[in-house]
All heavy atoms as atom14 arrays in JSON, in Angstrom:
{
  "sequence": "NLGSFLSFLFLKDRFLEAIIIGVAYSILNTSNYFYFTSFWQIARGY",
  "atom14_mask": [
    [1, 1, 1, 1, 1, 1, 1, 1, 0, 0, 0, 0, 0, 0],
    [1, 1, 1, 1, 1, 1, 1, 1, 0, 0, 0, 0, 0, 0],
    [1, 1, 1, 1, 0, 0, 0, 0, 0, 0, 0, 0, 0, 0],
    [1, 1, 1, 1, 1, 1, 0, 0, 0, 0, 0, 0, 0, 0],
    [1, 1, 1, 1, 1, 1, 1, 1, 1, 1, 1, 0, 0, 0],
    [1, 1, 1, 1, 1, 1, 1, 1, 0, 0, 0, 0, 0, 0],
    [1, 1, 1, 1, 1, 1, 0, 0, 0, 0, 0, 0, 0, 0],
    [1, 1, 1, 1, 1, 1, 1, 1, 1, 1, 1, 0, 0, 0],
    [1, 1, 1, 1, 1, 1, 1, 1, 0, 0, 0, 0, 0, 0],
    [1, 1, 1, 1, 1, 1, 1, 1, 1, 1, 1, 0, 0, 0],
    [1, 1, 1, 1, 1, 1, 1, 1, 0, 0, 0, 0, 0, 0],
    [1, 1, 1, 1, 1, 1, 1, 1, 1, 0, 0, 0, 0, 0],
    [1, 1, 1, 1, 1, 1, 1, 1, 0, 0, 0, 0, 0, 0],
    [1, 1, 1, 1, 1, 1, 1, 1, 1, 1, 1, 0, 0, 0],
    [1, 1, 1, 1, 1, 1, 1, 1, 1, 1, 1, 0, 0, 0],
    [1, 1, 1, 1, 1, 1, 1, 1, 0, 0, 0, 0, 0, 0],
    [1, 1, 1, 1, 1, 1, 1, 1, 1, 0, 0, 0, 0, 0],
    [1, 1, 1, 1, 1, 0, 0, 0, 0, 0, 0, 0, 0, 0],
    [1, 1, 1, 1, 1, 1, 1, 1, 0, 0, 0, 0, 0, 0],
    [1, 1, 1, 1, 1, 1, 1, 1, 0, 0, 0, 0, 0, 0],
    [1, 1, 1, 1, 1, 1, 1, 1, 0, 0, 0, 0, 0, 0],
    [1, 1, 1, 1, 0, 0, 0, 0, 0, 0, 0, 0, 0, 0],
    [1, 1, 1, 1, 1, 1, 1, 0, 0, 0, 0, 0, 0, 0],
    [1, 1, 1, 1, 1, 0, 0, 0, 0, 0, 0, 0, 0, 0],
    [1, 1, 1, 1, 1, 1, 1, 1, 1, 1, 1, 1, 0, 0],
    [1, 1, 1, 1, 1, 1, 0, 0, 0, 0, 0, 0, 0, 0],
    [1, 1, 1, 1, 1, 1, 1, 1, 0, 0, 0, 0, 0, 0],
    [1, 1, 1, 1, 1, 1, 1, 1, 0, 0, 0, 0, 0, 0],
    [1, 1, 1, 1, 1, 1, 1, 1, 0, 0, 0, 0, 0, 0],
    [1, 1, 1, 1, 1, 1, 1, 0, 0, 0, 0, 0, 0, 0],
    [1, 1, 1, 1, 1, 1, 0, 0, 0, 0, 0, 0, 0, 0],
    [1, 1, 1, 1, 1, 1, 1, 1, 0, 0, 0, 0, 0, 0],
    [1, 1, 1, 1, 1, 1, 1, 1, 1, 1, 1, 1, 0, 0],
    [1, 1, 1, 1, 1, 1, 1, 1, 1, 1, 1, 0, 0, 0],
    [1, 1, 1, 1, 1, 1, 1, 1, 1, 1, 1, 1, 0, 0],
    [1, 1, 1, 1, 1, 1, 1, 1, 1, 1, 1, 0, 0, 0],
    [1, 1, 1, 1, 1, 1, 1, 0, 0, 0, 0, 0, 0, 0],
    [1, 1, 1, 1, 1, 1, 0, 0, 0, 0, 0, 0, 0, 0],
    [1, 1, 1, 1, 1, 1, 1, 1, 1, 1, 1, 0, 0, 0],
    [1, 1, 1, 1, 1, 1, 1, 1, 1, 1, 1, 1, 1, 1],
    [1, 1, 1, 1, 1, 1, 1, 1, 1, 0, 0, 0, 0, 0],
    [1, 1, 1, 1, 1, 1, 1, 1, 0, 0, 0, 0, 0, 0],
    [1, 1, 1, 1, 1, 0, 0, 0, 0, 0, 0, 0, 0, 0],
    [1, 1, 1, 1, 1, 1, 1, 1, 1, 1, 1, 0, 0, 0],
    [1, 1, 1, 1, 0, 0, 0, 0, 0, 0, 0, 0, 0, 0],
    [1, 1, 1, 1, 1, 1, 1, 1, 1, 1, 1, 1, 0, 0]
  ],
  "atom14_positions": [
    [[1.88, 16.09, -10.2], [3.21, 16.51, -10.62], [3.21, 17.94, -11.14], [4.08, 18.75, -10.79], [3.75, 15.57, -11.7], [4.17, 14.22, -11.12], [4.34, 14.07, -9.92], [4.32, 13.23, -11.98], [0.0, 0.0, 0.0], [0.0, 0.0, 0.0], [0.0, 0.0, 0.0], [0.0, 0.0, 0.0], [0.0, 0.0, 0.0], [0.0, 0.0, 0.0]],
    [[2.22, 18.27, -11.98], [2.14, 19.65, -12.46], [1.81, 20.6, -11.32], [2.35, 21.72, -11.26], [1.07, 19.74, -13.56], [1.37, 19.05, -14.88], [0.18, 19.18, -15.83], [2.63, 19.62, -15.52], [0.0, 0.0, 0.0], [0.0, 0.0, 0.0], [0.0, 0.0, 0.0], [0.0, 0.0, 0.0], [0.0, 0.0, 0.0], [0.0, 0.0, 0.0]],
    [[0.93, 20.19, -10.42], [0.56, 21.03, -9.29], [1.73, 21.35, -8.39], [1.83, 22.46, -7.85], [0.0, 0.0, 0.0], [0.0, 0.0, 0.0], [0.0, 0.0, 0.0], [0.0, 0.0, 0.0], [0.0, 0.0, 0.0], [0.0, 0.0, 0.0], [0.0, 0.0, 0.0], [0.0, 0.0, 0.0], [0.0, 0.0, 0.0], [0.0, 0.0, 0.0]],
    [[2.63, 20.37, -8.21], [3.81, 20.61, -7.37], [4.69, 21.69, -7.96], [5.2, 22.56, -7.25], [4.6, 19.31, -7.21], [3.82, 18.33, -6.55], [0.0, 0.0, 0.0], [0.0, 0.0, 0.0], [0.0, 0.0, 0.0], [0.0, 0.0, 0.0], [0.0, 0.0, 0.0], [0.0, 0.0, 0.0], [0.0, 0.0, 0.0], [0.0, 0.0, 0.0]],
    [[4.86, 21.67, -9.28], [5.71, 22.67, -9.91], [4.98, 24.0, -10.11], [5.64, 25.05, -10.2], [6.22, 22.15, -11.25], [7.27, 21.09, -11.11], [6.95, 19.75, -11.25], [8.58, 21.43, -10.83], [7.92, 18.77, -11.11], [9.56, 20.46, -10.69], [9.23, 19.12, -10.82], [0.0, 0.0, 0.0], [0.0, 0.0, 0.0], [0.0, 0.0, 0.0]],
    [[3.66, 23.98, -10.16], [2.92, 25.24, -10.23], [3.04, 26.04, -8.93], [2.74, 27.24, -8.91], [1.43, 24.97, -10.51], [1.09, 24.59, -11.95], [-0.39, 24.26, -12.08], [1.46, 25.72, -12.91], [0.0, 0.0, 0.0], [0.0, 0.0, 0.0], [0.0, 0.0, 0.0], [0.0, 0.0, 0.0], [0.0, 0.0, 0.0], [0.0, 0.0, 0.0]],
    [[3.5, 25.39, -7.89], [3.73, 26.09, -6.63], [4.79, 27.17, -6.78], [4.92, 28.05, -5.9], [4.13, 25.1, -5.53], [3.12, 24.13, -5.33], [0.0, 0.0, 0.0], [0.0, 0.0, 0.0], [0.0, 0.0, 0.0], [0.0, 0.0, 0.0], [0.0, 0.0, 0.0], [0.0, 0.0, 0.0], [0.0, 0.0, 0.0], [0.0, 0.0, 0.0]],
    [[5.56, 27.1, -7.87], [6.56, 28.15, -8.13], [5.89, 29.53, -8.16], [6.48, 30.54, -7.77], [7.26, 27.92, -9.47], [8.06, 26.64, -9.53], [8.4, 26.08, -10.74], [8.48, 26.01, -8.36], [9.14, 24.91, -10.82], [9.22, 24.84, -8.41], [9.55, 24.29, -9.65], [0.0, 0.0, 0.0], [0.0, 0.0, 0.0], [0.0, 0.0, 0.0]],
    [[4.65, 29.55, -8.66], [3.96, 30.83, -8.8], [3.65, 31.46, -7.44], [3.48, 32.67, -7.34], [2.65, 30.63, -9.57], [2.79, 30.04, -10.99], [1.41, 29.8, -11.6], [3.61, 30.98, -11.87], [0.0, 0.0, 0.0], [0.0, 0.0, 0.0], [0.0, 0.0, 0.0], [0.0, 0.0, 0.0], [0.0, 0.0, 0.0], [0.0, 0.0, 0.0]],
    [[3.58, 30.62, -6.4], [3.24, 31.13, -5.07], [4.45, 31.22, -4.15], [4.34, 31.68, -3.03], [2.19, 30.22, -4.43], [0.97, 30.03, -5.27], [0.76, 28.83, -5.95], [0.03, 31.04, -5.42], [-0.36, 28.64, -6.74], [-1.1, 30.86, -6.2], [-1.29, 29.66, -6.87], [0.0, 0.0, 0.0], [0.0, 0.0, 0.0], [0.0, 0.0, 0.0]],
    [[5.61, 30.73, -4.61], [6.82, 30.76, -3.79], [7.95, 31.44, -4.56], [9.03, 30.9, -4.71], [7.24, 29.33, -3.4], [6.24, 28.55, -2.53], [6.7, 27.1, -2.36], [6.09, 29.21, -1.17], [0.0, 0.0, 0.0], [0.0, 0.0, 0.0], [0.0, 0.0, 0.0], [0.0, 0.0, 0.0], [0.0, 0.0, 0.0], [0.0, 0.0, 0.0]],
    [[7.69, 32.61, -5.06], [8.68, 33.31, -5.87], [9.94, 33.66, -5.09], [11.04, 33.71, -5.64], [8.06, 34.58, -6.45], [6.91, 34.3, -7.42], [6.31, 35.57, -7.96], [5.18, 35.28, -8.92], [4.55, 36.52, -9.45], [0.0, 0.0, 0.0], [0.0, 0.0, 0.0], [0.0, 0.0, 0.0], [0.0, 0.0, 0.0], [0.0, 0.0, 0.0]],
    [[9.78, 33.91, -3.79], [10.94, 34.26, -2.98], [11.67, 33.03, -2.46], [12.72, 33.15, -1.84], [10.52, 35.14, -1.79], [9.42, 34.47, -0.97], [8.71, 33.61, -1.51], [9.3, 34.82, 0.23], [0.0, 0.0, 0.0], [0.0, 0.0, 0.0], [0.0, 0.0, 0.0], [0.0, 0.0, 0.0], [0.0, 0.0, 0.0], [0.0, 0.0, 0.0]],
    [[11.12, 31.83, -2.7], [11.77, 30.58, -2.28], [11.77, 29.61, -3.46], [11.27, 28.5, -3.37], [11.03, 29.98, -1.08], [11.13, 30.82, 0.19], [10.36, 30.18, 1.33], [8.92, 30.21, 1.08], [8.03, 29.56, 1.83], [8.45, 28.8, 2.84], [6.74, 29.66, 1.56], [0.0, 0.0, 0.0], [0.0, 0.0, 0.0], [0.0, 0.0, 0.0]],
    [[12.36, 30.06, -4.54], [12.33, 29.31, -5.79], [13.04, 27.97, -5.65], [12.53, 26.93, -6.11], [12.98, 30.14, -6.9], [12.86, 29.52, -8.27], [11.65, 29.55, -8.95], [13.94, 28.89, -8.85], [11.53, 28.97, -10.2], [13.83, 28.32, -10.1], [12.62, 28.36, -10.77], [0.0, 0.0, 0.0], [0.0, 0.0, 0.0], [0.0, 0.0, 0.0]],
    [[14.21, 27.95, -5.02], [14.97, 26.7, -4.87], [14.21, 25.71, -4.01], [14.16, 24.5, -4.32], [16.34, 27.0, -4.25], [17.26, 25.78, -4.04], [17.53, 25.09, -5.37], [18.56, 26.21, -3.36], [0.0, 0.0, 0.0], [0.0, 0.0, 0.0], [0.0, 0.0, 0.0], [0.0, 0.0, 0.0], [0.0, 0.0, 0.0], [0.0, 0.0, 0.0]],
    [[13.59, 26.19, -2.95], [12.79, 25.31, -2.08], [11.63, 24.71, -2.86], [11.3, 23.53, -2.7], [12.28, 26.09, -0.87], [11.42, 25.26, 0.07], [10.89, 26.08, 1.23], [11.34, 27.24, 1.4], [10.01, 25.57, 1.95], [0.0, 0.0, 0.0], [0.0, 0.0, 0.0], [0.0, 0.0, 0.0], [0.0, 0.0, 0.0], [0.0, 0.0, 0.0]],
    [[11.0, 25.51, -3.69], [9.86, 25.03, -4.49], [10.3, 23.94, -5.47], [9.59, 22.96, -5.69], [9.22, 26.18, -5.24], [0.0, 0.0, 0.0], [0.0, 0.0, 0.0], [0.0, 0.0, 0.0], [0.0, 0.0, 0.0], [0.0, 0.0, 0.0], [0.0, 0.0, 0.0], [0.0, 0.0, 0.0], [0.0, 0.0, 0.0], [0.0, 0.0, 0.0]],
    [[11.49, 24.12, -6.07], [12.01, 23.11, -7.0], [12.25, 21.79, -6.27], [11.87, 20.71, -6.74], [13.3, 23.6, -7.67], [13.01, 24.77, -8.61], [13.97, 22.46, -8.45], [14.24, 25.34, -9.28], [0.0, 0.0, 0.0], [0.0, 0.0, 0.0], [0.0, 0.0, 0.0], [0.0, 0.0, 0.0], [0.0, 0.0, 0.0], [0.0, 0.0, 0.0]],
    [[12.89, 21.87, -5.11], [13.19, 20.65, -4.34], [11.91, 19.93, -3.94], [11.79, 18.7, -4.08], [14.03, 21.0, -3.09], [15.39, 21.54, -3.52], [14.2, 19.78, -2.2], [16.26, 22.02, -2.37], [0.0, 0.0, 0.0], [0.0, 0.0, 0.0], [0.0, 0.0, 0.0], [0.0, 0.0, 0.0], [0.0, 0.0, 0.0], [0.0, 0.0, 0.0]],
    [[10.93, 20.71, -3.46], [9.66, 20.1, -3.05], [8.95, 19.49, -4.26], [8.38, 18.38, -4.18], [8.76, 21.15, -2.38], [9.38, 21.6, -1.05], [7.35, 20.6, -2.15], [8.61, 22.72, -0.36], [0.0, 0.0, 0.0], [0.0, 0.0, 0.0], [0.0, 0.0, 0.0], [0.0, 0.0, 0.0], [0.0, 0.0, 0.0], [0.0, 0.0, 0.0]],
    [[8.98, 20.19, -5.41], [8.33, 19.67, -6.62], [8.95, 18.36, -7.09], [8.24, 17.41, -7.41], [0.0, 0.0, 0.0], [0.0, 0.0, 0.0], [0.0, 0.0, 0.0], [0.0, 0.0, 0.0], [0.0, 0.0, 0.0], [0.0, 0.0, 0.0], [0.0, 0.0, 0.0], [0.0, 0.0, 0.0], [0.0, 0.0, 0.0], [0.0, 0.0, 0.0]],
    [[10.28, 18.3, -7.11], [10.97, 17.07, -7.52], [10.7, 15.95, -6.52], [10.46, 14.79, -6.9], [12.48, 17.33, -7.65], [13.23, 16.02, -7.88], [12.76, 18.3, -8.78], [0.0, 0.0, 0.0], [0.0, 0.0, 0.0], [0.0, 0.0, 0.0], [0.0, 0.0, 0.0], [0.0, 0.0, 0.0], [0.0, 0.0, 0.0], [0.0, 0.0, 0.0]],
    [[10.72, 16.28, -5.22], [10.5, 15.27, -4.19], [9.12, 14.64, -4.33], [8.98, 13.41, -4.33], [10.65, 15.91, -2.8], [0.0, 0.0, 0.0], [0.0, 0.0, 0.0], [0.0, 0.0, 0.0], [0.0, 0.0, 0.0], [0.0, 0.0, 0.0], [0.0, 0.0, 0.0], [0.0, 0.0, 0.0], [0.0, 0.0, 0.0], [0.0, 0.0, 0.0]],
    [[8.09, 15.47, -4.48], [6.75, 14.93, -4.6], [6.54, 14.22, -5.93], [5.72, 13.29, -6.01], [5.7, 16.03, -4.4], [5.37, 16.26, -2.96], [5.83, 17.39, -2.29], [4.61, 15.34, -2.24], [5.53, 17.61, -0.94], [4.31, 15.54, -0.9], [4.77, 16.67, -0.25], [4.48, 16.87, 1.06], [0.0, 0.0, 0.0], [0.0, 0.0, 0.0]],
    [[7.25, 14.63, -6.96], [7.15, 13.93, -8.24], [7.68, 12.51, -8.12], [7.1, 11.56, -8.67], [7.92, 14.68, -9.33], [7.33, 15.93, -9.59], [0.0, 0.0, 0.0], [0.0, 0.0, 0.0], [0.0, 0.0, 0.0], [0.0, 0.0, 0.0], [0.0, 0.0, 0.0], [0.0, 0.0, 0.0], [0.0, 0.0, 0.0], [0.0, 0.0, 0.0]],
    [[8.77, 12.33, -7.37], [9.32, 10.99, -7.14], [8.33, 10.14, -6.36], [8.08, 8.97, -6.68], [10.67, 11.08, -6.41], [11.71, 11.75, -7.31], [11.15, 9.7, -5.99], [13.05, 11.99, -6.64], [0.0, 0.0, 0.0], [0.0, 0.0, 0.0], [0.0, 0.0, 0.0], [0.0, 0.0, 0.0], [0.0, 0.0, 0.0], [0.0, 0.0, 0.0]],
    [[7.74, 10.73, -5.31], [6.77, 9.99, -4.5], [5.55, 9.6, -5.33], [5.09, 8.45, -5.28], [6.34, 10.84, -3.31], [7.41, 11.17, -2.27], [6.84, 12.08, -1.19], [7.96, 9.9, -1.64], [0.0, 0.0, 0.0], [0.0, 0.0, 0.0], [0.0, 0.0, 0.0], [0.0, 0.0, 0.0], [0.0, 0.0, 0.0], [0.0, 0.0, 0.0]],
    [[5.03, 10.55, -6.1], [3.83, 10.28, -6.89], [4.09, 9.24, -7.97], [3.25, 8.36, -8.23], [3.32, 11.57, -7.54], [2.91, 12.61, -6.51], [2.46, 12.27, -5.42], [3.05, 13.88, -6.85], [0.0, 0.0, 0.0], [0.0, 0.0, 0.0], [0.0, 0.0, 0.0], [0.0, 0.0, 0.0], [0.0, 0.0, 0.0], [0.0, 0.0, 0.0]],
    [[5.26, 9.33, -8.61], [5.58, 8.38, -9.68], [5.78, 6.98, -9.15], [5.35, 5.99, -9.77], [6.84, 8.85, -10.44], [6.63, 10.18, -10.93], [7.14, 7.93, -11.61], [0.0, 0.0, 0.0], [0.0, 0.0, 0.0], [0.0, 0.0, 0.0], [0.0, 0.0, 0.0], [0.0, 0.0, 0.0], [0.0, 0.0, 0.0], [0.0, 0.0, 0.0]],
    [[6.44, 6.85, -8.0], [6.64, 5.52, -7.41], [5.3, 4.89, -7.03], [5.1, 3.68, -7.22], [7.56, 5.61, -6.2], [6.99, 6.43, -5.19], [0.0, 0.0, 0.0], [0.0, 0.0, 0.0], [0.0, 0.0, 0.0], [0.0, 0.0, 0.0], [0.0, 0.0, 0.0], [0.0, 0.0, 0.0], [0.0, 0.0, 0.0], [0.0, 0.0, 0.0]],
    [[4.37, 5.69, -6.52], [3.03, 5.17, -6.21], [2.3, 4.77, -7.49], [1.52, 3.8, -7.48], [2.22, 6.21, -5.45], [2.69, 6.39, -4.03], [3.27, 5.49, -3.43], [2.45, 7.57, -3.47], [0.0, 0.0, 0.0], [0.0, 0.0, 0.0], [0.0, 0.0, 0.0], [0.0, 0.0, 0.0], [0.0, 0.0, 0.0], [0.0, 0.0, 0.0]],
    [[2.54, 5.51, -8.56], [1.91, 5.16, -9.84], [2.41, 3.82, -10.37], [1.63, 3.01, -10.87], [2.19, 6.27, -10.86], [1.56, 6.04, -12.21], [0.21, 6.31, -12.42], [2.31, 5.56, -13.28], [-0.38, 6.11, -13.66], [1.74, 5.36, -14.52], [0.4, 5.64, -14.7], [-0.19, 5.43, -15.94], [0.0, 0.0, 0.0], [0.0, 0.0, 0.0]],
    [[3.71, 3.57, -10.23], [4.26, 2.29, -10.66], [3.69, 1.14, -9.83], [3.46, 0.04, -10.34], [5.79, 2.31, -10.56], [6.45, 3.11, -11.64], [7.66, 3.76, -11.41], [5.89, 3.21, -12.9], [8.27, 4.5, -12.41], [6.49, 3.94, -13.91], [7.69, 4.59, -13.66], [0.0, 0.0, 0.0], [0.0, 0.0, 0.0], [0.0, 0.0, 0.0]],
    [[3.49, 1.4, -8.54], [2.86, 0.39, -7.68], [1.45, 0.08, -8.19], [1.07, -1.1, -8.29], [2.81, 0.92, -6.24], [2.05, 0.04, -5.27], [2.65, -1.08, -4.72], [0.74, 0.35, -4.9], [1.96, -1.89, -3.81], [0.05, -0.44, -4.0], [0.66, -1.55, -3.47], [-0.03, -2.34, -2.58], [0.0, 0.0, 0.0], [0.0, 0.0, 0.0]],
    [[0.71, 1.1, -8.52], [-0.65, 0.92, -9.03], [-0.65, 0.15, -10.34], [-1.4, -0.82, -10.52], [-1.32, 2.28, -9.22], [-2.67, 2.23, -9.88], [-3.83, 2.1, -9.12], [-2.79, 2.29, -11.27], [-5.07, 2.04, -9.73], [-4.03, 2.23, -11.87], [-5.17, 2.1, -11.11], [0.0, 0.0, 0.0], [0.0, 0.0, 0.0], [0.0, 0.0, 0.0]],
    [[0.18, 0.57, -11.3], [0.17, -0.07, -12.61], [0.65, -1.52, -12.55], [0.21, -2.34, -13.35], [1.05, 0.72, -13.6], [2.36, 0.92, -13.04], [0.44, 2.07, -13.92], [0.0, 0.0, 0.0], [0.0, 0.0, 0.0], [0.0, 0.0, 0.0], [0.0, 0.0, 0.0], [0.0, 0.0, 0.0], [0.0, 0.0, 0.0], [0.0, 0.0, 0.0]],
    [[1.53, -1.82, -11.59], [1.97, -3.21, -11.43], [0.8, -4.1, -11.06], [0.57, -5.15, -11.69], [3.07, -3.29, -10.36], [4.21, -2.55, -10.74], [0.0, 0.0, 0.0], [0.0, 0.0, 0.0], [0.0, 0.0, 0.0], [0.0, 0.0, 0.0], [0.0, 0.0, 0.0], [0.0, 0.0, 0.0], [0.0, 0.0, 0.0], [0.0, 0.0, 0.0]],
    [[0.04, -3.7, -10.06], [-1.12, -4.49, -9.67], [-2.24, -4.38, -10.71], [-3.07, -5.3, -10.82], [-1.63, -4.06, -8.29], [-0.94, -4.77, -7.17], [-0.15, -4.08, -6.26], [-1.07, -6.15, -7.01], [0.49, -4.74, -5.23], [-0.43, -6.81, -5.98], [0.35, -6.11, -5.08], [0.0, 0.0, 0.0], [0.0, 0.0, 0.0], [0.0, 0.0, 0.0]],
    [[-2.29, -3.3, -11.45], [-3.28, -3.17, -12.51], [-3.07, -4.23, -13.58], [-4.03, -4.84, -14.06], [-3.19, -1.78, -13.13], [-4.25, -1.47, -14.15], [-5.51, -1.01, -13.92], [-4.13, -1.62, -15.58], [-6.19, -0.86, -15.11], [-5.37, -1.22, -16.13], [-3.11, -2.04, -16.42], [-5.6, -1.23, -17.51], [-3.34, -2.06, -17.78], [-4.57, -1.66, -18.31]],
    [[-1.82, -4.48, -13.94], [-1.53, -5.53, -14.92], [-1.9, -6.91, -14.37], [-2.42, -7.77, -15.1], [-0.04, -5.5, -15.3], [0.39, -4.26, -16.04], [-0.16, -4.17, -17.46], [-0.85, -5.08, -17.93], [0.13, -3.07, -18.15], [0.0, 0.0, 0.0], [0.0, 0.0, 0.0], [0.0, 0.0, 0.0], [0.0, 0.0, 0.0], [0.0, 0.0, 0.0]],
    [[-1.63, -7.13, -13.08], [-1.99, -8.41, -12.46], [-3.51, -8.6, -12.46], [-4.02, -9.67, -12.79], [-1.43, -8.5, -11.03], [0.1, -8.38, -11.03], [-1.86, -9.81, -10.37], [0.81, -9.47, -11.79], [0.0, 0.0, 0.0], [0.0, 0.0, 0.0], [0.0, 0.0, 0.0], [0.0, 0.0, 0.0], [0.0, 0.0, 0.0], [0.0, 0.0, 0.0]],
    [[-4.24, -7.54, -12.08], [-5.7, -7.61, -12.08], [-6.23, -7.88, -13.49], [-7.19, -8.64, -13.68], [-6.28, -6.31, -11.52], [0.0, 0.0, 0.0], [0.0, 0.0, 0.0], [0.0, 0.0, 0.0], [0.0, 0.0, 0.0], [0.0, 0.0, 0.0], [0.0, 0.0, 0.0], [0.0, 0.0, 0.0], [0.0, 0.0, 0.0], [0.0, 0.0, 0.0]],
    [[-5.62, -7.25, -14.48], [-6.04, -7.47, -15.87], [-5.82, -8.93, -16.27], [-6.65, -9.53, -16.96], [-5.25, -6.54, -16.78], [-5.75, -6.47, -18.21], [-5.14, -5.28, -18.93], [-3.73, -5.47, -19.18], [-3.22, -5.79, -20.38], [-4.02, -5.93, -21.42], [-1.93, -5.94, -20.54], [0.0, 0.0, 0.0], [0.0, 0.0, 0.0], [0.0, 0.0, 0.0]],
    [[-4.69, -9.5, -15.82], [-4.42, -10.9, -16.12], [-5.4, -11.84, -15.44], [-5.9, -12.8, -16.06], [0.0, 0.0, 0.0], [0.0, 0.0, 0.0], [0.0, 0.0, 0.0], [0.0, 0.0, 0.0], [0.0, 0.0, 0.0], [0.0, 0.0, 0.0], [0.0, 0.0, 0.0], [0.0, 0.0, 0.0], [0.0, 0.0, 0.0], [0.0, 0.0, 0.0]],
    [[-5.71, -11.57, -14.16], [-6.68, -12.39, -13.45], [-8.05, -12.33, -14.13], [-8.74, -13.35, -14.24], [-6.82, -11.92, -12.0], [-5.7, -12.38, -11.08], [-5.27, -11.57, -10.04], [-5.11, -13.63, -11.24], [-4.26, -11.97, -9.19], [-4.09, -14.04, -10.4], [-3.67, -13.21, -9.37], [-2.68, -13.63, -8.52], [0.0, 0.0, 0.0], [0.0, 0.0, 0.0]]
  ]
}
C-alpha cells in the first residue's frame, strides 16, 4: 500500500493517474488481506 502511493515520486507529471492506481491496488491488497485473515482465524481455531 505504501509502495503504491510512493509511485507519486516517479509519476510527477501524472499525479492523478498515480492516485487512481494507488487507491486501486490498495483495495486489491486489502481485500486479499481480509481473505488471508479469515482463513487465519479458522486455522487458529482448528
